[in-house]
C-alpha cells in the first residue's frame, strides 16, 4: 500500500516522495508504474503545449525570462580585460631583414601580445554587448505598445538587432545617429569575426591569384585601410576607448528613452506580454503609479524566491 504523496520543490526540480510498507520488489514495480505514468503524462502535456505554442506566442501569452544581469556580467568581464589586458612577461625578438624592406627590427613581444589580447577581448565584449542590447530590446517591447494584433513576439525575438532597434526606438534624430554609429562598430569589429573571419564584401580575407601578377591580391582593396584583419595591431587603445564610450552613451540614452522598461529590467524581473499584464501597466500609467506596479511585482518575485507562499 502506498501512502499519500508529498511534494518538494528543490534546486534540481520537483520531487515526489511516497511512503509504503510493501516488500522491496513490489515497491520497485509500483515505482516503475508511477514513473511510466508520469512520463506518459509529460509527453501528452508537451504535445499540447508545443501544438499551441505558435498561437500562444502570437497573442503574447508568454513570459520572457530576464537575463539582463548575467548578460551584463559577460560584457563587463570582457570589457575589463580589453581595457586592462593580462600582463605577460616581455621578450625581445629580432626579425630577420626582408629583402628590399630595410634592416631587421626588434620589439617587445609581450607588449604586442598584450595589445592583441586587448583586441580579442574587445571583439568578445562587442559581441556580448550586442547580445545584451538585443535582449533588453525584446524585454522593453512589453512597455512599448506591444500589440499582438500587430506585433509577433516570436518574430521579434528572431529578428536582427537593427529591426529591434527600429521598432523600439525609431529611425529619426538621435535614434538614427546612434543606430549608424553602432552599425559602424559592428561592421568594423564584430562582423568579420562572427562570420568565420570573413568581412562584409570579403574585405582583405580573400586573396585572388591574378594572371600576370606574381603576388596574390586581397579582394576589396578600397576597404583595406579599415580592415582590422589587415593590420598587425588590429586595435589601438583609442579604438577600444571609443567603442566603450559609445556603449556608455547608448546605455544612458536607452534609459532616457525606455525609462519604465529599463527600470523593470534593472530590477531583474521577468517580463510578461499577456493581456492581464498589459492592462495592469495601462492602469498604472493612468494613475501615474508605475512605482506601485514595480513594487508589487518585485514583492511577488521575492515571495517566490523565498518560497514564502
C-alpha atoms as a PDB file:
ATOM      1  CA  UNK A   1       0.000   0.000   0.000  1.00  0.00           C
ATOM      2  CA  UNK A   2       1.278   3.456  -0.926  1.00  0.00           C
ATOM      3  CA  UNK A   3       0.500   6.412   1.325  1.00  0.00           C
ATOM      4  CA  UNK A   4      -0.436   9.869   0.000  1.00  0.00           C
ATOM      5  CA  UNK A   5       2.383  11.647  -1.779  1.00  0.00           C
ATOM      6  CA  UNK A   6       4.280  14.662  -0.557  1.00  0.00           C
ATOM      7  CA  UNK A   7       5.869  17.133  -2.927  1.00  0.00           C
ATOM      8  CA  UNK A   8       9.033  19.152  -2.537  1.00  0.00           C
ATOM      9  CA  UNK A   9      10.489  21.756  -4.876  1.00  0.00           C
ATOM     10  CA  UNK A  10      14.268  21.783  -4.715  1.00  0.00           C
ATOM     11  CA  UNK A  11      17.131  23.278  -6.728  1.00  0.00           C
ATOM     12  CA  UNK A  12      17.090  20.229  -9.012  1.00  0.00           C
ATOM     13  CA  UNK A  13      13.337  20.383  -9.684  1.00  0.00           C
ATOM     14  CA  UNK A  14      10.148  18.886  -8.308  1.00  0.00           C
ATOM     15  CA  UNK A  15      10.480  15.737  -6.213  1.00  0.00           C
ATOM     16  CA  UNK A  16       7.729  13.274  -5.255  1.00  0.00           C
ATOM     17  CA  UNK A  17       8.044  11.305  -2.027  1.00  0.00           C
ATOM     18  CA  UNK A  18       5.937   8.167  -1.383  1.00  0.00           C
ATOM     19  CA  UNK A  19       5.839   6.015   1.731  1.00  0.00           C
ATOM     20  CA  UNK A  20       4.982   2.319   1.503  1.00  0.00           C
ATOM     21  CA  UNK A  21       5.164  -0.789   3.692  1.00  0.00           C
ATOM     22  CA  UNK A  22       5.159  -3.145   0.688  1.00  0.00           C
ATOM     23  CA  UNK A  23       8.100  -5.518   0.121  1.00  0.00           C
ATOM     24  CA  UNK A  24      11.005  -4.034  -1.808  1.00  0.00           C
ATOM     25  CA  UNK A  25      10.337  -5.932  -5.056  1.00  0.00           C
ATOM     26  CA  UNK A  26       6.671  -4.900  -5.075  1.00  0.00           C
ATOM     27  CA  UNK A  27       7.617  -1.327  -4.206  1.00  0.00           C
ATOM     28  CA  UNK A  28      10.032  -1.192  -7.158  1.00  0.00           C
ATOM     29  CA  UNK A  29       7.305  -2.410  -9.514  1.00  0.00           C
ATOM     30  CA  UNK A  30       4.935   0.233  -8.183  1.00  0.00           C
ATOM     31  CA  UNK A  31       7.652   2.859  -8.623  1.00  0.00           C
ATOM     32  CA  UNK A  32       8.223   1.778 -12.229  1.00  0.00           C
ATOM     33  CA  UNK A  33       4.484   2.089 -12.949  1.00  0.00           C
ATOM     34  CA  UNK A  34       4.360   5.566 -11.410  1.00  0.00           C
ATOM     35  CA  UNK A  35       7.372   6.716 -13.435  1.00  0.00           C
ATOM     36  CA  UNK A  36       5.835   5.297 -16.608  1.00  0.00           C
ATOM     37  CA  UNK A  37       2.567   7.167 -15.990  1.00  0.00           C
ATOM     38  CA  UNK A  38       4.400  10.411 -15.228  1.00  0.00           C
ATOM     39  CA  UNK A  39       6.492  10.186 -18.385  1.00  0.00           C
ATOM     40  CA  UNK A  40       3.394   9.462 -20.432  1.00  0.00           C
ATOM     41  CA  UNK A  41       1.643  12.459 -18.889  1.00  0.00           C
ATOM     42  CA  UNK A  42       4.636  14.695 -19.582  1.00  0.00           C
ATOM     43  CA  UNK A  43       4.678  13.690 -23.258  1.00  0.00           C
ATOM     44  CA  UNK A  44       0.970  14.468 -23.515  1.00  0.00           C
ATOM     45  CA  UNK A  45       1.425  17.865 -21.885  1.00  0.00           C
ATOM     46  CA  UNK A  46       4.449  18.637 -24.069  1.00  0.00           C
ATOM     47  CA  UNK A  47       2.471  17.859 -27.191  1.00  0.00           C
ATOM     48  CA  UNK A  48      -0.389  20.103 -26.082  1.00  0.00           C
ATOM     49  CA  UNK A  49       1.997  22.960 -25.298  1.00  0.00           C
ATOM     50  CA  UNK A  50       4.070  22.595 -28.472  1.00  0.00           C
ATOM     51  CA  UNK A  51       0.975  22.463 -30.662  1.00  0.00           C
ATOM     52  CA  UNK A  52      -0.400  25.579 -29.019  1.00  0.00           C
ATOM     53  CA  UNK A  53       2.943  27.435 -28.762  1.00  0.00           C
ATOM     54  CA  UNK A  54       2.776  29.474 -32.003  1.00  0.00           C
ATOM     55  CA  UNK A  55      -0.701  30.821 -31.197  1.00  0.00           C
ATOM     56  CA  UNK A  56       0.216  31.477 -27.560  1.00  0.00           C
ATOM     57  CA  UNK A  57       3.268  33.458 -28.630  1.00  0.00           C
ATOM     58  CA  UNK A  58       1.296  35.343 -31.250  1.00  0.00           C
ATOM     59  CA  UNK A  59      -1.171  36.502 -28.608  1.00  0.00           C
ATOM     60  CA  UNK A  60       1.627  37.399 -26.214  1.00  0.00           C
ATOM     61  CA  UNK A  61       0.659  34.732 -23.697  1.00  0.00           C
ATOM     62  CA  UNK A  62       4.259  34.309 -22.620  1.00  0.00           C
ATOM     63  CA  UNK A  63       6.789  35.458 -20.068  1.00  0.00           C
ATOM     64  CA  UNK A  64      10.324  36.235 -21.197  1.00  0.00           C
ATOM     65  CA  UNK A  65      12.982  35.431 -18.613  1.00  0.00           C
ATOM     66  CA  UNK A  66      15.072  38.469 -17.708  1.00  0.00           C
ATOM     67  CA  UNK A  67      18.717  37.535 -18.347  1.00  0.00           C
ATOM     68  CA  UNK A  68      19.980  41.113 -18.254  1.00  0.00           C
ATOM     69  CA  UNK A  69      22.263  40.676 -15.249  1.00  0.00           C
ATOM     70  CA  UNK A  70      24.043  37.564 -16.495  1.00  0.00           C
ATOM     71  CA  UNK A  71      24.491  39.032 -19.988  1.00  0.00           C
ATOM     72  CA  UNK A  72      25.744  42.282 -18.471  1.00  0.00           C
ATOM     73  CA  UNK A  73      28.311  40.385 -16.405  1.00  0.00           C
ATOM     74  CA  UNK A  74      29.665  38.704 -19.538  1.00  0.00           C
ATOM     75  CA  UNK A  75      30.009  42.066 -21.283  1.00  0.00           C
ATOM     76  CA  UNK A  76      31.700  43.719 -18.304  1.00  0.00           C
ATOM     77  CA  UNK A  77      34.099  40.774 -17.929  1.00  0.00           C
ATOM     78  CA  UNK A  78      35.444  41.110 -21.481  1.00  0.00           C
ATOM     79  CA  UNK A  79      35.356  44.906 -21.336  1.00  0.00           C
ATOM     80  CA  UNK A  80      37.512  44.951 -18.215  1.00  0.00           C
ATOM     81  CA  UNK A  81      40.027  42.626 -19.865  1.00  0.00           C
ATOM     82  CA  UNK A  82      40.113  44.751 -23.032  1.00  0.00           C
ATOM     83  CA  UNK A  83      40.762  47.942 -21.075  1.00  0.00           C
ATOM     84  CA  UNK A  84      43.307  46.286 -18.784  1.00  0.00           C
ATOM     85  CA  UNK A  85      44.752  43.324 -20.714  1.00  0.00           C
ATOM     86  CA  UNK A  86      46.502  40.445 -18.998  1.00  0.00           C
ATOM     87  CA  UNK A  87      50.166  41.273 -18.452  1.00  0.00           C
ATOM     88  CA  UNK A  88      52.686  38.755 -19.722  1.00  0.00           C
ATOM     89  CA  UNK A  89      56.473  38.761 -19.445  1.00  0.00           C
ATOM     90  CA  UNK A  90      58.243  40.730 -22.188  1.00  0.00           C
ATOM     91  CA  UNK A  91      60.633  39.007 -24.559  1.00  0.00           C
ATOM     92  CA  UNK A  92      62.789  40.723 -27.161  1.00  0.00           C
ATOM     93  CA  UNK A  93      62.507  39.164 -30.616  1.00  0.00           C
ATOM     94  CA  UNK A  94      64.657  40.212 -33.575  1.00  0.00           C
ATOM     95  CA  UNK A  95      63.216  39.654 -37.036  1.00  0.00           C
ATOM     96  CA  UNK A  96      65.475  38.877 -39.939  1.00  0.00           C
ATOM     97  CA  UNK A  97      65.634  41.594 -42.603  1.00  0.00           C
ATOM     98  CA  UNK A  98      63.312  41.216 -45.567  1.00  0.00           C
ATOM     99  CA  UNK A  99      64.997  41.962 -48.909  1.00  0.00           C
ATOM    100  CA  UNK A 100      64.107  45.431 -50.094  1.00  0.00           C
ATOM    101  CA  UNK A 101      62.455  46.461 -46.832  1.00  0.00           C
ATOM    102  CA  UNK A 102      65.485  47.550 -44.816  1.00  0.00           C
ATOM    103  CA  UNK A 103      67.176  46.280 -41.705  1.00  0.00           C
ATOM    104  CA  UNK A 104      65.764  43.942 -39.123  1.00  0.00           C
ATOM    105  CA  UNK A 105      63.576  45.387 -36.401  1.00  0.00           C
ATOM    106  CA  UNK A 106      63.144  44.332 -32.802  1.00  0.00           C
ATOM    107  CA  UNK A 107      60.226  44.816 -30.442  1.00  0.00           C
ATOM    108  CA  UNK A 108      58.840  43.637 -27.150  1.00  0.00           C
ATOM    109  CA  UNK A 109      56.689  40.639 -27.962  1.00  0.00           C
ATOM    110  CA  UNK A 110      54.987  40.890 -24.581  1.00  0.00           C
ATOM    111  CA  UNK A 111      53.701  44.362 -25.388  1.00  0.00           C
ATOM    112  CA  UNK A 112      52.456  43.169 -28.766  1.00  0.00           C
ATOM    113  CA  UNK A 113      50.745  40.173 -27.183  1.00  0.00           C
ATOM    114  CA  UNK A 114      49.026  42.351 -24.588  1.00  0.00           C
ATOM    115  CA  UNK A 115      47.603  44.573 -27.306  1.00  0.00           C
ATOM    116  CA  UNK A 116      46.439  41.517 -29.248  1.00  0.00           C
ATOM    117  CA  UNK A 117      44.778  40.211 -26.071  1.00  0.00           C
ATOM    118  CA  UNK A 118      43.040  43.565 -25.653  1.00  0.00           C
ATOM    119  CA  UNK A 119      41.791  43.423 -29.230  1.00  0.00           C
ATOM    120  CA  UNK A 120      40.413  39.896 -28.878  1.00  0.00           C
ATOM    121  CA  UNK A 121      38.675  40.818 -25.641  1.00  0.00           C
ATOM    122  CA  UNK A 122      37.237  43.940 -27.268  1.00  0.00           C
ATOM    123  CA  UNK A 123      35.691  41.810 -30.029  1.00  0.00           C
ATOM    124  CA  UNK A 124      34.265  39.452 -27.379  1.00  0.00           C
ATOM    125  CA  UNK A 125      32.949  42.449 -25.408  1.00  0.00           C
ATOM    126  CA  UNK A 126      31.227  43.852 -28.512  1.00  0.00           C
ATOM    127  CA  UNK A 127      29.528  40.505 -29.171  1.00  0.00           C
ATOM    128  CA  UNK A 128      28.460  40.303 -25.527  1.00  0.00           C
ATOM    129  CA  UNK A 129      27.126  43.864 -25.613  1.00  0.00           C
ATOM    130  CA  UNK A 130      25.083  43.217 -28.765  1.00  0.00           C
ATOM    131  CA  UNK A 131      23.585  40.134 -27.125  1.00  0.00           C
ATOM    132  CA  UNK A 132      22.697  42.188 -24.032  1.00  0.00           C
ATOM    133  CA  UNK A 133      21.355  45.046 -26.180  1.00  0.00           C
ATOM    134  CA  UNK A 134      19.080  42.768 -28.235  1.00  0.00           C
ATOM    135  CA  UNK A 135      17.827  41.003 -25.120  1.00  0.00           C
ATOM    136  CA  UNK A 136      16.906  44.285 -23.444  1.00  0.00           C
ATOM    137  CA  UNK A 137      15.069  45.486 -26.553  1.00  0.00           C
ATOM    138  CA  UNK A 138      12.930  42.330 -26.565  1.00  0.00           C
ATOM    139  CA  UNK A 139      12.070  42.816 -22.888  1.00  0.00           C
ATOM    140  CA  UNK A 140      11.322  46.503 -23.484  1.00  0.00           C
ATOM    141  CA  UNK A 141       8.765  45.642 -26.155  1.00  0.00           C
ATOM    142  CA  UNK A 142       6.225  44.855 -23.423  1.00  0.00           C
ATOM    143  CA  UNK A 143       6.460  48.504 -22.309  1.00  0.00           C
ATOM    144  CA  UNK A 144       6.451  49.981 -25.822  1.00  0.00           C
ATOM    145  CA  UNK A 145       2.929  49.484 -27.063  1.00  0.00           C
ATOM    146  CA  UNK A 146       3.122  45.744 -27.666  1.00  0.00           C
ATOM    147  CA  UNK A 147       0.004  44.743 -29.589  1.00  0.00           C
ATOM    148  CA  UNK A 148      -0.433  41.058 -30.501  1.00  0.00           C
ATOM    149  CA  UNK A 149      -2.593  42.139 -33.450  1.00  0.00           C
ATOM    150  CA  UNK A 150       0.420  43.906 -34.944  1.00  0.00           C
ATOM    151  CA  UNK A 151       3.491  42.521 -33.187  1.00  0.00           C
ATOM    152  CA  UNK A 152       4.665  38.928 -33.347  1.00  0.00           C
ATOM    153  CA  UNK A 153       6.746  38.143 -30.278  1.00  0.00           C
ATOM    154  CA  UNK A 154       8.464  35.134 -31.869  1.00  0.00           C
ATOM    155  CA  UNK A 155       9.383  37.162 -34.954  1.00  0.00           C
ATOM    156  CA  UNK A 156      10.658  39.993 -32.791  1.00  0.00           C
ATOM    157  CA  UNK A 157      12.921  37.663 -30.837  1.00  0.00           C
ATOM    158  CA  UNK A 158      14.301  36.192 -34.052  1.00  0.00           C
ATOM    159  CA  UNK A 159      14.777  39.498 -35.880  1.00  0.00           C
ATOM    160  CA  UNK A 160      18.103  41.284 -36.392  1.00  0.00           C
ATOM    161  CA  UNK A 161      19.235  43.823 -33.821  1.00  0.00           C
ATOM    162  CA  UNK A 162      18.619  46.682 -36.258  1.00  0.00           C
ATOM    163  CA  UNK A 163      14.984  45.676 -36.718  1.00  0.00           C
ATOM    164  CA  UNK A 164      14.522  45.525 -32.950  1.00  0.00           C
ATOM    165  CA  UNK A 165      16.147  48.941 -32.661  1.00  0.00           C
ATOM    166  CA  UNK A 166      13.862  50.493 -35.287  1.00  0.00           C
ATOM    167  CA  UNK A 167      10.716  49.037 -33.700  1.00  0.00           C
ATOM    168  CA  UNK A 168      11.551  50.276 -30.217  1.00  0.00           C
ATOM    169  CA  UNK A 169      13.472  53.492 -30.830  1.00  0.00           C
ATOM    170  CA  UNK A 170      12.638  54.661 -34.332  1.00  0.00           C
ATOM    171  CA  UNK A 171      14.980  55.904 -37.044  1.00  0.00           C
ATOM    172  CA  UNK A 172      14.943  59.701 -36.705  1.00  0.00           C
ATOM    173  CA  UNK A 173      17.125  62.142 -34.805  1.00  0.00           C
ATOM    174  CA  UNK A 174      19.335  60.713 -32.074  1.00  0.00           C
ATOM    175  CA  UNK A 175      17.994  57.215 -32.749  1.00  0.00           C
ATOM    176  CA  UNK A 176      19.219  57.325 -36.342  1.00  0.00           C
ATOM    177  CA  UNK A 177      22.621  58.650 -35.311  1.00  0.00           C
ATOM    178  CA  UNK A 178      23.149  56.047 -32.579  1.00  0.00           C
ATOM    179  CA  UNK A 179      21.991  53.277 -34.901  1.00  0.00           C
ATOM    180  CA  UNK A 180      24.533  54.301 -37.540  1.00  0.00           C
ATOM    181  CA  UNK A 181      27.375  54.579 -35.030  1.00  0.00           C
ATOM    182  CA  UNK A 182      26.534  51.186 -33.579  1.00  0.00           C
ATOM    183  CA  UNK A 183      26.319  49.719 -37.086  1.00  0.00           C
ATOM    184  CA  UNK A 184      29.784  51.095 -37.867  1.00  0.00           C
ATOM    185  CA  UNK A 185      31.233  49.424 -34.769  1.00  0.00           C
ATOM    186  CA  UNK A 186      29.523  46.122 -35.518  1.00  0.00           C
ATOM    187  CA  UNK A 187      30.590  46.025 -39.159  1.00  0.00           C
ATOM    188  CA  UNK A 188      34.168  47.028 -38.443  1.00  0.00           C
ATOM    189  CA  UNK A 189      34.951  44.972 -35.357  1.00  0.00           C
ATOM    190  CA  UNK A 190      32.399  42.226 -34.756  1.00  0.00           C
ATOM    191  CA  UNK A 191      31.049  41.008 -38.091  1.00  0.00           C
ATOM    192  CA  UNK A 192      34.362  39.785 -39.539  1.00  0.00           C
ATOM    193  CA  UNK A 193      34.792  37.524 -36.510  1.00  0.00           C
ATOM    194  CA  UNK A 194      31.202  36.375 -36.117  1.00  0.00           C
ATOM    195  CA  UNK A 195      31.068  35.094 -39.702  1.00  0.00           C
ATOM    196  CA  UNK A 196      34.106  32.873 -39.847  1.00  0.00           C
ATOM    197  CA  UNK A 197      36.597  35.710 -40.120  1.00  0.00           C
ATOM    198  CA  UNK A 198      35.122  36.971 -43.391  1.00  0.00           C
ATOM    199  CA  UNK A 199      34.430  40.664 -43.643  1.00  0.00           C
ATOM    200  CA  UNK A 200      31.444  42.206 -45.353  1.00  0.00           C
ATOM    201  CA  UNK A 201      32.314  42.167 -49.031  1.00  0.00           C
ATOM    202  CA  UNK A 202      35.188  39.767 -48.121  1.00  0.00           C
ATOM    203  CA  UNK A 203      37.477  42.696 -47.197  1.00  0.00           C
ATOM    204  CA  UNK A 204      41.104  41.579 -47.039  1.00  0.00           C
ATOM    205  CA  UNK A 205      40.413  37.978 -46.007  1.00  0.00           C
ATOM    206  CA  UNK A 206      40.358  36.519 -49.538  1.00  0.00           C
ATOM    207  CA  UNK A 207      43.258  36.879 -51.964  1.00  0.00           C
ATOM    208  CA  UNK A 208      42.887  36.480 -55.724  1.00  0.00           C
ATOM    209  CA  UNK A 209      45.506  34.868 -57.927  1.00  0.00           C
ATOM    210  CA  UNK A 210      45.517  37.377 -60.760  1.00  0.00           C
ATOM    211  CA  UNK A 211      47.086  36.429 -64.135  1.00  0.00           C
ATOM    212  CA  UNK A 212      50.258  38.395 -64.752  1.00  0.00           C
ATOM    213  CA  UNK A 213      50.624  39.408 -61.110  1.00  0.00           C
ATOM    214  CA  UNK A 214      53.107  37.421 -59.056  1.00  0.00           C
ATOM    215  CA  UNK A 215      51.593  38.288 -55.663  1.00  0.00           C
ATOM    216  CA  UNK A 216      48.047  37.297 -54.698  1.00  0.00           C
ATOM    217  CA  UNK A 217      45.923  40.429 -54.217  1.00  0.00           C
ATOM    218  CA  UNK A 218      43.319  40.965 -51.467  1.00  0.00           C
ATOM    219  CA  UNK A 219      39.697  41.366 -52.503  1.00  0.00           C
ATOM    220  CA  UNK A 220      38.110  44.700 -51.610  1.00  0.00           C
ATOM    221  CA  UNK A 221      41.197  46.888 -51.787  1.00  0.00           C
ATOM    222  CA  UNK A 222      39.134  50.002 -51.141  1.00  0.00           C
ATOM    223  CA  UNK A 223      38.358  48.697 -47.656  1.00  0.00           C
ATOM    224  CA  UNK A 224      41.828  47.503 -46.665  1.00  0.00           C
ATOM    225  CA  UNK A 225      42.616  50.591 -44.584  1.00  0.00           C
ATOM    226  CA  UNK A 226      39.546  49.946 -42.432  1.00  0.00           C
ATOM    227  CA  UNK A 227      40.207  46.236 -42.069  1.00  0.00           C
ATOM    228  CA  UNK A 228      41.158  45.017 -38.584  1.00  0.00           C
ATOM    229  CA  UNK A 229      42.400  41.810 -40.207  1.00  0.00           C
ATOM    230  CA  UNK A 230      44.902  43.673 -42.377  1.00  0.00           C
ATOM    231  CA  UNK A 231      46.722  45.440 -39.535  1.00  0.00           C
ATOM    232  CA  UNK A 232      49.474  43.878 -37.471  1.00  0.00           C
ATOM    233  CA  UNK A 233      47.989  45.536 -34.384  1.00  0.00           C
ATOM    234  CA  UNK A 234      44.234  45.497 -35.135  1.00  0.00           C
ATOM    235  CA  UNK A 235      43.003  47.940 -32.486  1.00  0.00           C
ATOM    236  CA  UNK A 236      44.666  50.815 -30.668  1.00  0.00           C
ATOM    237  CA  UNK A 237      43.851  51.994 -27.166  1.00  0.00           C
ATOM    238  CA  UNK A 238      41.953  54.871 -28.766  1.00  0.00           C
ATOM    239  CA  UNK A 239      39.818  52.427 -30.800  1.00  0.00           C
ATOM    240  CA  UNK A 240      38.953  50.464 -27.666  1.00  0.00           C
ATOM    241  CA  UNK A 241      38.140  53.615 -25.683  1.00  0.00           C
ATOM    242  CA  UNK A 242      35.898  54.965 -28.450  1.00  0.00           C
ATOM    243  CA  UNK A 243      33.929  51.705 -28.666  1.00  0.00           C
ATOM    244  CA  UNK A 244      33.205  51.546 -24.945  1.00  0.00           C
ATOM    245  CA  UNK A 245      32.475  55.275 -24.714  1.00  0.00           C
ATOM    246  CA  UNK A 246      29.824  54.766 -27.399  1.00  0.00           C
ATOM    247  CA  UNK A 247      28.307  51.855 -25.481  1.00  0.00           C
ATOM    248  CA  UNK A 248      28.137  54.007 -22.336  1.00  0.00           C
ATOM    249  CA  UNK A 249      26.411  56.755 -24.325  1.00  0.00           C
ATOM    250  CA  UNK A 250      23.885  54.301 -25.722  1.00  0.00           C
ATOM    251  CA  UNK A 251      23.202  52.848 -22.262  1.00  0.00           C
ATOM    252  CA  UNK A 252      22.455  56.304 -20.834  1.00  0.00           C
ATOM    253  CA  UNK A 253      20.333  57.268 -23.831  1.00  0.00           C
ATOM    254  CA  UNK A 254      18.421  53.972 -23.672  1.00  0.00           C
ATOM    255  CA  UNK A 255      17.456  54.638 -20.052  1.00  0.00           C
ATOM    256  CA  UNK A 256      16.106  58.056 -21.033  1.00  0.00           C
ATOM    257  CA  UNK A 257      14.089  56.651 -23.961  1.00  0.00           C
ATOM    258  CA  UNK A 258      12.815  53.436 -22.354  1.00  0.00           C
ATOM    259  CA  UNK A 259      12.660  54.593 -18.755  1.00  0.00           C
ATOM    260  CA  UNK A 260       9.978  52.226 -17.452  1.00  0.00           C
ATOM    261  CA  UNK A 261      11.337  49.225 -19.313  1.00  0.00           C
ATOM    262  CA  UNK A 262      14.914  49.749 -18.153  1.00  0.00           C
ATOM    263  CA  UNK A 263      13.839  50.204 -14.531  1.00  0.00           C
ATOM    264  CA  UNK A 264      11.923  46.920 -14.746  1.00  0.00           C
ATOM    265  CA  UNK A 265      14.839  45.172 -16.436  1.00  0.00           C
ATOM    266  CA  UNK A 266      17.384  46.513 -13.910  1.00  0.00           C
ATOM    267  CA  UNK A 267      15.150  45.194 -11.115  1.00  0.00           C
ATOM    268  CA  UNK A 268      15.740  41.707 -12.524  1.00  0.00           C
ATOM    269  CA  UNK A 269      12.055  40.964 -13.048  1.00  0.00           C
ATOM    270  CA  UNK A 270      10.810  38.675 -15.796  1.00  0.00           C
ATOM    271  CA  UNK A 271       8.613  40.337 -18.401  1.00  0.00           C
ATOM    272  CA  UNK A 272       5.073  39.280 -19.227  1.00  0.00           C
ATOM    273  CA  UNK A 273       3.378  40.071 -22.534  1.00  0.00           C
ATOM    274  CA  UNK A 274      -0.118  38.770 -21.771  1.00  0.00           C
ATOM    275  CA  UNK A 275      -3.312  40.849 -21.748  1.00  0.00           C
ATOM    276  CA  UNK A 276      -3.555  40.909 -17.957  1.00  0.00           C
ATOM    277  CA  UNK A 277      -0.102  42.466 -17.619  1.00  0.00           C
ATOM    278  CA  UNK A 278      -0.773  44.964 -20.401  1.00  0.00           C
ATOM    279  CA  UNK A 279      -3.964  46.020 -18.585  1.00  0.00           C
ATOM    280  CA  UNK A 280      -2.137  46.399 -15.267  1.00  0.00           C
ATOM    281  CA  UNK A 281       0.531  48.504 -16.963  1.00  0.00           C
ATOM    282  CA  UNK A 282      -2.077  50.727 -18.616  1.00  0.00           C
ATOM    283  CA  UNK A 283      -3.855  51.241 -15.275  1.00  0.00           C
ATOM    284  CA  UNK A 284      -0.587  52.077 -13.517  1.00  0.00           C
ATOM    285  CA  UNK A 285       0.244  54.651 -16.172  1.00  0.00           C
ATOM    286  CA  UNK A 286      -3.229  56.163 -15.964  1.00  0.00           C
ATOM    287  CA  UNK A 287      -2.859  56.508 -12.193  1.00  0.00           C
ATOM    288  CA  UNK A 288       0.734  57.724 -12.590  1.00  0.00           C
ATOM    289  CA  UNK A 289       1.803  54.849 -10.333  1.00  0.00           C
ATOM    290  CA  UNK A 290       4.388  52.822 -12.211  1.00  0.00           C
ATOM    291  CA  UNK A 291       6.394  52.649  -8.973  1.00  0.00           C
ATOM    292  CA  UNK A 292       3.483  50.846  -7.332  1.00  0.00           C
ATOM    293  CA  UNK A 293       3.302  48.298 -10.139  1.00  0.00           C
ATOM    294  CA  UNK A 294       7.054  47.705  -9.979  1.00  0.00           C
ATOM    295  CA  UNK A 295       6.999  47.324  -6.196  1.00  0.00           C
ATOM    296  CA  UNK A 296       4.073  44.877  -6.381  1.00  0.00           C
ATOM    297  CA  UNK A 297       5.770  42.555  -8.868  1.00  0.00           C
ATOM    298  CA  UNK A 298       9.098  42.896  -7.076  1.00  0.00           C
ATOM    299  CA  UNK A 299       7.409  41.786  -3.849  1.00  0.00           C
ATOM    300  CA  UNK A 300       5.702  38.879  -5.612  1.00  0.00           C
ATOM    301  CA  UNK A 301       9.045  37.736  -7.037  1.00  0.00           C
ATOM    302  CA  UNK A 302      10.668  37.985  -3.620  1.00  0.00           C
ATOM    303  CA  UNK A 303       7.921  35.737  -2.203  1.00  0.00           C
ATOM    304  CA  UNK A 304       8.550  33.206  -4.965  1.00  0.00           C
ATOM    305  CA  UNK A 305      12.334  33.309  -4.499  1.00  0.00           C
ATOM    306  CA  UNK A 306      11.947  32.677  -0.776  1.00  0.00           C
ATOM    307  CA  UNK A 307       9.233  30.043  -1.389  1.00  0.00           C
ATOM    308  CA  UNK A 308       7.085  32.019   1.024  1.00  0.00           C
ATOM    309  CA  UNK A 309       3.708  31.103  -0.429  1.00  0.00           C
END
